[in-house]
């Protein structure tokens, strides 16, 4: 939804999406939840949190269609600030330790064992995903791309969320590596289908969430501390497909719920007087200017259409835009004028006083040149410059 949705519409949509999370959370975590009774295992919210957000984001970006000039012969997609993106990644990375380990709801009664195992699994999975993403980036492009690294790290963290409390170290590494591989493999498919995903929510939160839920059905081992697995084990330890089937069923049910409700919510907001997507003209200027009053580094080079004059937000945006352009234009003119003044003053000195300067000591001629060049930039007219030059020369002689 980034760079396409009106701010007010986005706030309304995000507020209601919180309610969409509620039902899957009940299904998975409540003692009375339908899938909890069946024996689903999702320790820290792989399906109720990440899959919900990912599916809603997928439906949203398909409904809104791509940004202008995103695809096609002249299409492009650039990361605005790799430094800020990496900073945000580290914040998420550190925060993941908090909510994965915090889902133990304490440290007494052996819960500290689950918390410590969750922390180790979280870190090892992210390491596996990060290493794998670098390998994929170097092999595929001969370069280490920042966006590959970010998506690989986050997808690995999402992948281990469901099983973090019962995963073994080697399992965490493997789950993270597979999660990063699957996520990064999705990016070319999205480009081919022309699905515009500015922040990578589909590979990170949809693909990795699905893999994370299925990984429980493969690698989970019976937990003897708090019976997190409800006495069940994954396919590799029990030889049974029961847990894998429950995990798959939960994933499908949560995805369908989010897709349907998310679509109707988008439709309602879009058809309301509030509207959903920014106009083409507003999108050209950018939400940073129109919604937040921020002027980017390239604001002076933006082209604005006349049709924007009828928009309500155009007044304040154009004030900032015009001021920025005026300052840039004035500065350029001033620099050019100063250069012309210095050239004219130097040329006048060379042609007006050849005889006198030939009889002057070199120090005096140096003094004259210094006075000319120093004062020329502060004079307003040719007559004032000539008077100053003559006055200076007479004084020195």
Protein backbone atom coordinates (compact mmCIF):
# COMPACT_ATOMS: atom_id res chain seq x y z
CA UNK A 1 0.00 0.00 0.00
CA UNK A 2 3.00 2.29 0.35
CA UNK A 3 3.12 5.42 -1.86
CA UNK A 4 -0.41 4.89 -3.17
CA UNK A 5 -2.93 5.30 -0.33
CA UNK A 6 -4.28 8.45 1.27
CA UNK A 7 -3.11 8.88 4.84
CA UNK A 8 -6.60 9.14 6.36
CA UNK A 9 -7.76 6.05 4.50
CA UNK A 10 -4.68 4.16 5.61
CA UNK A 11 -5.31 5.05 9.25
CA UNK A 12 -8.90 3.83 9.03
CA UNK A 13 -7.85 0.65 7.26
CA UNK A 14 -5.05 -0.13 9.72
CA UNK A 15 -7.36 0.43 12.69
CA UNK A 16 -9.90 -2.05 11.38
CA UNK A 17 -7.25 -4.60 10.38
CA UNK A 18 -6.45 -4.98 14.07
CA UNK A 19 -9.87 -6.62 14.42
CA UNK A 20 -9.03 -9.05 11.61
CA UNK A 21 -6.16 -10.35 13.77
CA UNK A 22 -8.51 -11.16 16.62
CA UNK A 23 -10.28 -14.21 15.19
CA UNK A 24 -7.15 -16.09 14.00
CA UNK A 25 -5.55 -15.38 17.37
CA UNK A 26 -8.56 -16.96 19.06
CA UNK A 27 -8.45 -19.97 16.73
CA UNK A 28 -4.78 -20.64 17.46
CA UNK A 29 -4.18 -19.57 21.07
CA UNK A 30 -7.45 -19.69 22.99
CA UNK A 31 -8.17 -22.93 24.87
CA UNK A 32 -11.54 -22.84 23.12
CA UNK A 33 -10.10 -22.12 19.67
CA UNK A 34 -11.04 -24.56 16.96
CA UNK A 35 -7.48 -25.19 15.79
CA UNK A 36 -6.04 -25.13 19.29
CA UNK A 37 -8.34 -28.00 20.17
CA UNK A 38 -7.14 -29.84 17.09
CA UNK A 39 -3.52 -29.45 18.26
CA UNK A 40 -2.04 -26.66 16.14
CA UNK A 41 1.40 -25.43 17.25
CA UNK A 42 2.27 -21.76 16.79
CA UNK A 43 4.33 -20.49 19.68
CA UNK A 44 4.89 -16.81 18.84
CA UNK A 45 2.40 -15.88 16.12
CA UNK A 46 3.53 -17.10 12.74
CA UNK A 47 -0.07 -17.42 11.50
CA UNK A 48 -2.11 -15.05 13.73
CA UNK A 49 0.38 -12.19 13.29
CA UNK A 50 2.66 -12.51 10.27
CA UNK A 51 0.41 -14.47 7.93
CA UNK A 52 -2.55 -12.20 8.66
CA UNK A 53 -0.56 -9.07 7.85
CA UNK A 54 1.03 -10.65 4.82
CA UNK A 55 -2.21 -11.83 3.23
CA UNK A 56 -3.93 -8.49 3.86
CA UNK A 57 -0.94 -6.76 2.28
CA UNK A 58 -1.04 -9.11 -0.72
CA UNK A 59 -4.73 -8.44 -1.31
CA UNK A 60 -4.17 -4.70 -0.87
CA UNK A 61 -1.35 -4.41 -3.40
CA UNK A 62 -3.29 -6.43 -5.98
CA UNK A 63 -6.41 -4.33 -5.41
CA UNK A 64 -4.57 -1.02 -5.64
CA UNK A 65 -2.50 -2.02 -8.69
CA UNK A 66 1.13 -0.89 -9.17
CA UNK A 67 2.51 2.59 -8.65
CA UNK A 68 3.01 4.83 -11.66
CA UNK A 69 6.08 4.00 -13.74
CA UNK A 70 6.81 0.95 -11.60
CA UNK A 71 6.79 -1.56 -14.45
CA UNK A 72 7.31 -1.35 -18.18
CA UNK A 73 10.31 -0.31 -20.29
CA UNK A 74 11.06 2.69 -18.08
CA UNK A 75 9.99 1.11 -14.82
CA UNK A 76 12.26 1.28 -11.82
CA UNK A 77 12.30 0.56 -8.10
CA UNK A 78 14.94 2.05 -5.83
CA UNK A 79 15.56 1.86 -2.10
CA UNK A 80 15.26 5.41 -0.83
CA UNK A 81 17.67 4.99 2.09
CA UNK A 82 19.63 1.75 2.57
CA UNK A 83 21.01 3.13 5.84
CA UNK A 84 17.55 3.69 7.33
CA UNK A 85 16.37 0.33 6.00
CA UNK A 86 19.24 -1.48 7.70
CA UNK A 87 18.67 0.47 10.90
CA UNK A 88 15.03 -0.62 10.89
CA UNK A 89 16.09 -4.20 10.24
CA UNK A 90 18.35 -4.20 13.28
CA UNK A 91 15.51 -2.81 15.37
CA UNK A 92 13.21 -5.59 14.20
CA UNK A 93 15.95 -8.16 14.70
CA UNK A 94 16.43 -7.09 18.31
CA UNK A 95 12.68 -6.85 18.89
CA UNK A 96 12.18 -10.41 17.63
CA UNK A 97 14.11 -11.67 20.61
CA UNK A 98 11.65 -9.86 22.85
CA UNK A 99 8.41 -11.21 21.51
CA UNK A 100 9.67 -14.72 20.72
CA UNK A 101 11.10 -15.21 24.20
CA UNK A 102 8.33 -13.17 25.82
CA UNK A 103 5.69 -15.60 24.60
CA UNK A 104 6.72 -17.92 27.43
CA UNK A 105 4.83 -15.54 29.77
CA UNK A 106 7.42 -15.90 32.52
CA UNK A 107 10.54 -17.74 33.64
CA UNK A 108 9.25 -19.85 36.54
CA UNK A 109 8.26 -23.47 36.37
CA UNK A 110 10.77 -24.29 33.70
CA UNK A 111 9.60 -21.54 31.38
CA UNK A 112 13.12 -20.10 31.31
CA UNK A 113 14.16 -23.17 29.35
CA UNK A 114 11.65 -22.33 26.64
CA UNK A 115 12.69 -18.68 26.67
CA UNK A 116 16.38 -19.47 26.31
CA UNK A 117 15.69 -21.99 23.56
CA UNK A 118 13.52 -19.42 21.78
CA UNK A 119 16.36 -16.87 21.93
CA UNK A 120 18.92 -19.32 20.54
CA UNK A 121 16.56 -20.48 17.80
CA UNK A 122 15.73 -16.92 16.82
CA UNK A 123 19.36 -15.88 16.47
CA UNK A 124 20.50 -19.02 14.67
CA UNK A 125 17.63 -18.87 12.23
CA UNK A 126 18.40 -15.25 11.37
CA UNK A 127 22.06 -16.13 10.91
CA UNK A 128 21.16 -18.95 8.54
CA UNK A 129 18.81 -16.70 6.58
CA UNK A 130 21.32 -13.87 6.39
CA UNK A 131 24.14 -16.10 5.16
CA UNK A 132 21.86 -17.73 2.61
CA UNK A 133 20.62 -14.39 1.32
CA UNK A 134 24.19 -13.17 0.76
CA UNK A 135 25.05 -16.36 -1.09
CA UNK A 136 21.96 -16.04 -3.31
CA UNK A 137 22.68 -12.37 -4.00
CA UNK A 138 26.31 -12.98 -4.96
CA UNK A 139 25.50 -16.01 -7.13
CA UNK A 140 22.56 -14.37 -8.89
CA UNK A 141 23.85 -10.81 -9.34
CA UNK A 142 27.59 -10.90 -8.50
CA UNK A 143 26.86 -8.27 -5.86
CA UNK A 144 25.76 -8.21 -2.24
CA UNK A 145 22.45 -6.33 -2.41
CA UNK A 146 21.11 -4.74 0.75
CA UNK A 147 17.49 -5.60 -0.03
CA UNK A 148 18.40 -9.28 -0.43
CA UNK A 149 20.05 -9.27 2.99
CA UNK A 150 17.13 -7.51 4.66
CA UNK A 151 14.50 -9.81 3.16
CA UNK A 152 16.58 -12.89 3.94
CA UNK A 153 17.04 -11.94 7.59
CA UNK A 154 13.40 -11.06 8.17
CA UNK A 155 12.04 -14.08 6.31
CA UNK A 156 14.23 -16.37 8.42
CA UNK A 157 12.93 -14.74 11.60
CA UNK A 158 9.34 -15.20 10.48
CA UNK A 159 10.02 -18.83 9.53
CA UNK A 160 11.18 -19.82 13.01
CA UNK A 161 8.47 -17.94 14.93
CA UNK A 162 6.05 -20.85 15.20
CA UNK A 163 8.59 -23.46 16.32
CA UNK A 164 11.16 -21.34 18.17
CA UNK A 165 10.44 -22.80 21.62
CA UNK A 166 10.94 -26.43 20.61
CA UNK A 167 13.42 -26.18 17.72
CA UNK A 168 16.94 -27.61 18.01
CA UNK A 169 19.89 -25.42 16.96
CA UNK A 170 20.53 -27.23 13.69
CA UNK A 171 16.83 -27.12 12.89
CA UNK A 172 16.78 -23.35 13.41
CA UNK A 173 19.65 -22.86 11.00
CA UNK A 174 18.03 -25.06 8.39
CA UNK A 175 14.59 -23.48 8.76
CA UNK A 176 16.08 -20.00 8.40
CA UNK A 177 18.08 -20.93 5.32
CA UNK A 178 15.10 -22.54 3.61
CA UNK A 179 12.85 -19.62 4.56
CA UNK A 180 15.26 -17.08 3.06
CA UNK A 181 15.64 -19.14 -0.11
CA UNK A 182 11.88 -19.44 -0.61
CA UNK A 183 11.30 -15.76 0.08
CA UNK A 184 13.98 -14.49 -2.29
CA UNK A 185 12.82 -16.90 -4.97
CA UNK A 186 9.41 -15.23 -4.86
CA UNK A 187 10.72 -11.78 -5.81
CA UNK A 188 11.31 -12.55 -9.55
CA UNK A 189 7.82 -14.09 -9.71
CA UNK A 190 6.26 -10.91 -8.33
CA UNK A 191 8.15 -8.86 -10.90
CA UNK A 192 6.93 -11.10 -13.71
CA UNK A 193 3.32 -10.87 -12.48
CA UNK A 194 3.76 -7.10 -12.01
CA UNK A 195 2.69 -7.18 -8.37
CA UNK A 196 4.04 -4.03 -6.75
CA UNK A 197 5.35 -4.83 -3.26
CA UNK A 198 7.49 -1.87 -2.10
CA UNK A 199 8.41 -3.25 1.34
CA UNK A 200 8.64 -6.99 0.60
CA UNK A 201 5.64 -8.03 2.66
CA UNK A 202 4.71 -10.93 0.35
CA UNK A 203 8.02 -12.85 0.41
CA UNK A 204 8.72 -12.05 4.05
CA UNK A 205 5.29 -12.44 5.67
CA UNK A 206 3.30 -14.64 3.31
CA UNK A 207 5.81 -17.12 1.93
CA UNK A 208 7.87 -17.37 5.12
CA UNK A 209 4.78 -17.70 7.32
CA UNK A 210 3.50 -20.60 5.25
CA UNK A 211 6.89 -22.28 5.43
CA UNK A 212 7.14 -21.60 9.17
CA UNK A 213 3.80 -23.25 9.87
CA UNK A 214 4.64 -26.29 7.74
CA UNK A 215 8.10 -26.55 9.35
CA UNK A 216 6.41 -27.31 12.66
CA UNK A 217 4.70 -30.29 11.06
CA UNK A 218 8.10 -31.56 9.93
CA UNK A 219 10.58 -30.75 12.71
CA UNK A 220 8.54 -30.41 15.92
CA UNK A 221 9.50 -32.70 18.76
CA UNK A 222 7.33 -33.46 21.76
CA UNK A 223 7.77 -30.84 24.49
CA UNK A 224 7.96 -32.18 28.06
CA UNK A 225 8.09 -28.83 29.85
CA UNK A 226 4.73 -27.22 29.05
CA UNK A 227 3.31 -29.57 26.44
CA UNK A 228 3.46 -26.96 23.70
CA UNK A 229 3.09 -29.61 21.01
CA UNK A 230 0.08 -31.22 22.76
CA UNK A 231 1.75 -34.60 22.73
CA UNK A 232 2.31 -34.54 18.96
CA UNK A 233 5.49 -34.62 16.93
CA UNK A 234 6.41 -33.70 13.38
CA UNK A 235 6.67 -36.02 10.43
CA UNK A 236 10.41 -36.60 10.81
CA UNK A 237 10.02 -37.83 14.39
CA UNK A 238 6.63 -39.52 14.42
CA UNK A 239 6.20 -40.66 10.84
CA UNK A 240 2.67 -39.25 10.98
CA UNK A 241 1.20 -36.55 8.80
CA UNK A 242 -1.34 -35.53 11.44
CA UNK A 243 0.47 -32.45 12.80
CA UNK A 244 1.54 -31.40 9.31
CA UNK A 245 -2.07 -31.59 8.16
CA UNK A 246 -3.28 -29.49 11.10
CA UNK A 247 -0.66 -26.87 10.41
CA UNK A 248 -1.60 -26.75 6.71
CA UNK A 249 -5.33 -26.51 7.49
CA UNK A 250 -4.74 -23.63 9.90
CA UNK A 251 -2.65 -21.82 7.31
CA UNK A 252 -5.34 -22.14 4.64
CA UNK A 253 -8.15 -21.08 6.98
CA UNK A 254 -6.32 -17.98 8.23
CA UNK A 255 -5.34 -17.00 4.68
CA UNK A 256 -8.88 -17.28 3.34
CA UNK A 257 -10.32 -15.33 6.27
CA UNK A 258 -7.85 -12.47 5.85
CA UNK A 259 -8.15 -12.35 2.07
CA UNK A 260 -11.95 -12.15 2.08
CA UNK A 261 -12.33 -9.67 4.93
CA UNK A 262 -9.41 -7.57 3.71
CA UNK A 263 -10.87 -7.34 0.20
CA UNK A 264 -14.30 -6.20 1.39
CA UNK A 265 -12.73 -3.69 3.76
CA UNK A 266 -10.70 -2.20 0.90
CA UNK A 267 -13.79 -2.12 -1.30
CA UNK A 268 -15.87 -0.32 1.32
CA UNK A 269 -13.23 2.35 1.97
CA UNK A 270 -12.61 2.81 -1.75
CA UNK A 271 -16.31 3.38 -2.49
CA UNK A 272 -16.79 5.69 0.48
CA UNK A 273 -16.41 9.50 0.24
CA UNK A 274 -13.04 9.10 1.91
CA UNK A 275 -11.60 7.22 -1.05
CA UNK A 276 -8.58 4.94 -0.97
CA UNK A 277 -5.92 5.63 -3.58
CA UNK A 278 -4.24 8.96 -4.20
CA UNK A 279 -4.91 10.67 -7.51
CA UNK A 280 -2.34 10.35 -10.27
CA UNK A 281 -1.27 13.96 -9.80
CA UNK A 282 -0.90 13.59 -6.02
CA UNK A 283 1.04 10.39 -6.46
CA UNK A 284 3.40 12.18 -8.85
CA UNK A 285 4.25 14.79 -6.20
CA UNK A 286 4.39 12.19 -3.44
CA UNK A 287 2.78 11.60 -0.08
CA UNK A 288 5.82 13.02 1.70
CA UNK A 289 4.94 16.50 0.48
CA UNK A 290 1.15 16.30 0.43
CA UNK A 291 0.51 14.30 3.60
CA UNK A 292 3.51 15.09 5.80
CA UNK A 293 4.90 18.38 4.54
CA UNK A 294 8.35 16.91 3.95
CA UNK A 295 10.48 18.18 1.07
CA UNK A 296 12.87 15.60 -0.31
CA UNK A 297 16.28 16.19 -1.83
CA UNK A 298 14.91 16.24 -5.38
CA UNK A 299 11.85 18.37 -4.76
CA UNK A 300 13.21 21.23 -6.89
CA UNK A 301 13.18 19.00 -9.93
CA UNK A 302 9.56 17.84 -9.68
CA UNK A 303 7.15 18.65 -12.51
CA UNK A 304 3.68 19.67 -11.43
CA UNK A 305 0.61 19.51 -13.57
CA UNK A 306 -1.92 22.36 -13.77
CA UNK A 307 -4.70 20.04 -12.70
CA UNK A 308 -3.28 20.01 -9.19
CA UNK A 309 -4.45 23.56 -8.61
CA UNK A 310 -7.91 22.33 -7.70
CA UNK A 311 -6.79 19.99 -4.91
CA UNK A 312 -7.24 21.07 -1.32
CA UNK A 313 -3.77 20.03 -0.28
CA UNK A 314 -2.16 21.80 -3.19
CA UNK A 315 -1.81 25.18 -1.48
CA UNK A 316 0.56 24.18 1.29
CA UNK A 317 2.42 21.77 -0.95
CA UNK A 318 2.99 24.38 -3.61
CA UNK A 319 4.21 26.91 -1.08
CA UNK A 320 6.95 24.54 0.01
CA UNK A 321 7.67 23.56 -3.59
CA UNK A 322 7.81 27.15 -4.87
CA UNK A 323 9.97 28.31 -1.98
CA UNK A 324 12.44 25.51 -2.58
CA UNK A 325 12.62 26.24 -6.31
CA UNK A 326 12.99 29.98 -5.74
CA UNK A 327 15.85 29.49 -3.30
CA UNK A 328 17.62 27.13 -5.67
CA UNK A 329 17.15 29.44 -8.67
CA UNK A 330 18.20 32.57 -6.78
CA UNK A 331 21.34 30.91 -5.48
CA UNK A 332 22.35 29.86 -8.97
CA UNK A 333 21.76 33.37 -10.37
CA UNK A 334 23.77 34.98 -7.59
CA UNK A 335 26.69 32.66 -8.14
CA UNK A 336 26.64 33.43 -11.86
CA UNK A 337 26.49 37.19 -11.26
CA UNK A 338 29.43 37.07 -8.87
CA UNK A 339 31.52 35.20 -11.40
CA UNK A 340 30.65 37.78 -14.11
CA UNK A 341 31.56 40.69 -11.82
CA UNK A 342 34.94 39.24 -11.00
CA UNK A 343 35.68 38.62 -14.68
CA UNK A 344 34.65 42.16 -15.67
CA UNK A 345 36.71 43.73 -12.90
CA UNK A 346 39.79 41.74 -13.84
CA UNK A 347 39.37 42.59 -17.52
CA UNK A 348 38.94 46.33 -16.77
CA UNK A 349 42.10 46.38 -14.64
CA UNK A 350 44.15 44.80 -17.40
CA UNK A 351 42.98 47.24 -20.12
CA UNK A 352 42.62 50.53 -18.22
CA UNK A 353 46.00 50.75 -16.42
CA UNK A 354 48.79 49.10 -18.45
CA UNK A 355 51.17 52.12 -18.34
CA UNK A 356 50.86 52.94 -14.66
CA UNK A 357 51.20 49.38 -13.49
CA UNK A 358 54.38 48.89 -15.51
CA UNK A 359 56.12 51.50 -13.31
CA UNK A 360 54.78 50.15 -10.03
CA UNK A 361 56.50 47.68 -7.78
CA UNK A 362 55.14 44.15 -7.89
CA UNK A 363 53.79 44.48 -4.34
CA UNK A 364 51.71 47.50 -5.35
CA UNK A 365 50.28 45.69 -8.39
CA UNK A 366 49.42 42.75 -6.15
CA UNK A 367 47.65 45.12 -3.77
CA UNK A 368 45.63 46.58 -6.62
CA UNK A 369 44.53 43.14 -7.84
CA UNK A 370 43.56 42.07 -4.35
CA UNK A 371 41.48 45.20 -3.83
CA UNK A 372 39.78 44.77 -7.20
CA UNK A 373 38.91 41.14 -6.72
CA UNK A 374 37.90 41.60 -3.12
CA UNK A 375 35.57 44.51 -3.69
CA UNK A 376 34.13 43.55 -7.06
CA UNK A 377 31.67 41.06 -5.61
CA UNK A 378 30.12 43.69 -3.32
CA UNK A 379 29.56 46.44 -5.94
CA UNK A 380 26.17 46.93 -7.56
CA UNK A 381 27.17 48.64 -10.83
CA UNK A 382 29.98 49.19 -13.29
CA UNK A 383 30.38 52.88 -12.32
CA UNK A 384 30.82 52.05 -8.63
CA UNK A 385 33.45 49.43 -9.49
CA UNK A 386 35.44 51.93 -11.64
CA UNK A 387 35.41 54.56 -8.90
CA UNK A 388 36.67 52.08 -6.32
CA UNK A 389 39.42 50.85 -8.60
CA UNK A 390 40.62 54.39 -9.39
CA UNK A 391 40.51 55.41 -5.75
CA UNK A 392 42.54 52.34 -4.73
CA UNK A 393 45.11 52.90 -7.48
CA UNK A 394 45.59 56.58 -6.59
CA UNK A 395 46.09 55.73 -2.93
CA UNK A 396 48.73 53.08 -3.66
CA UNK A 397 50.65 55.34 -6.06
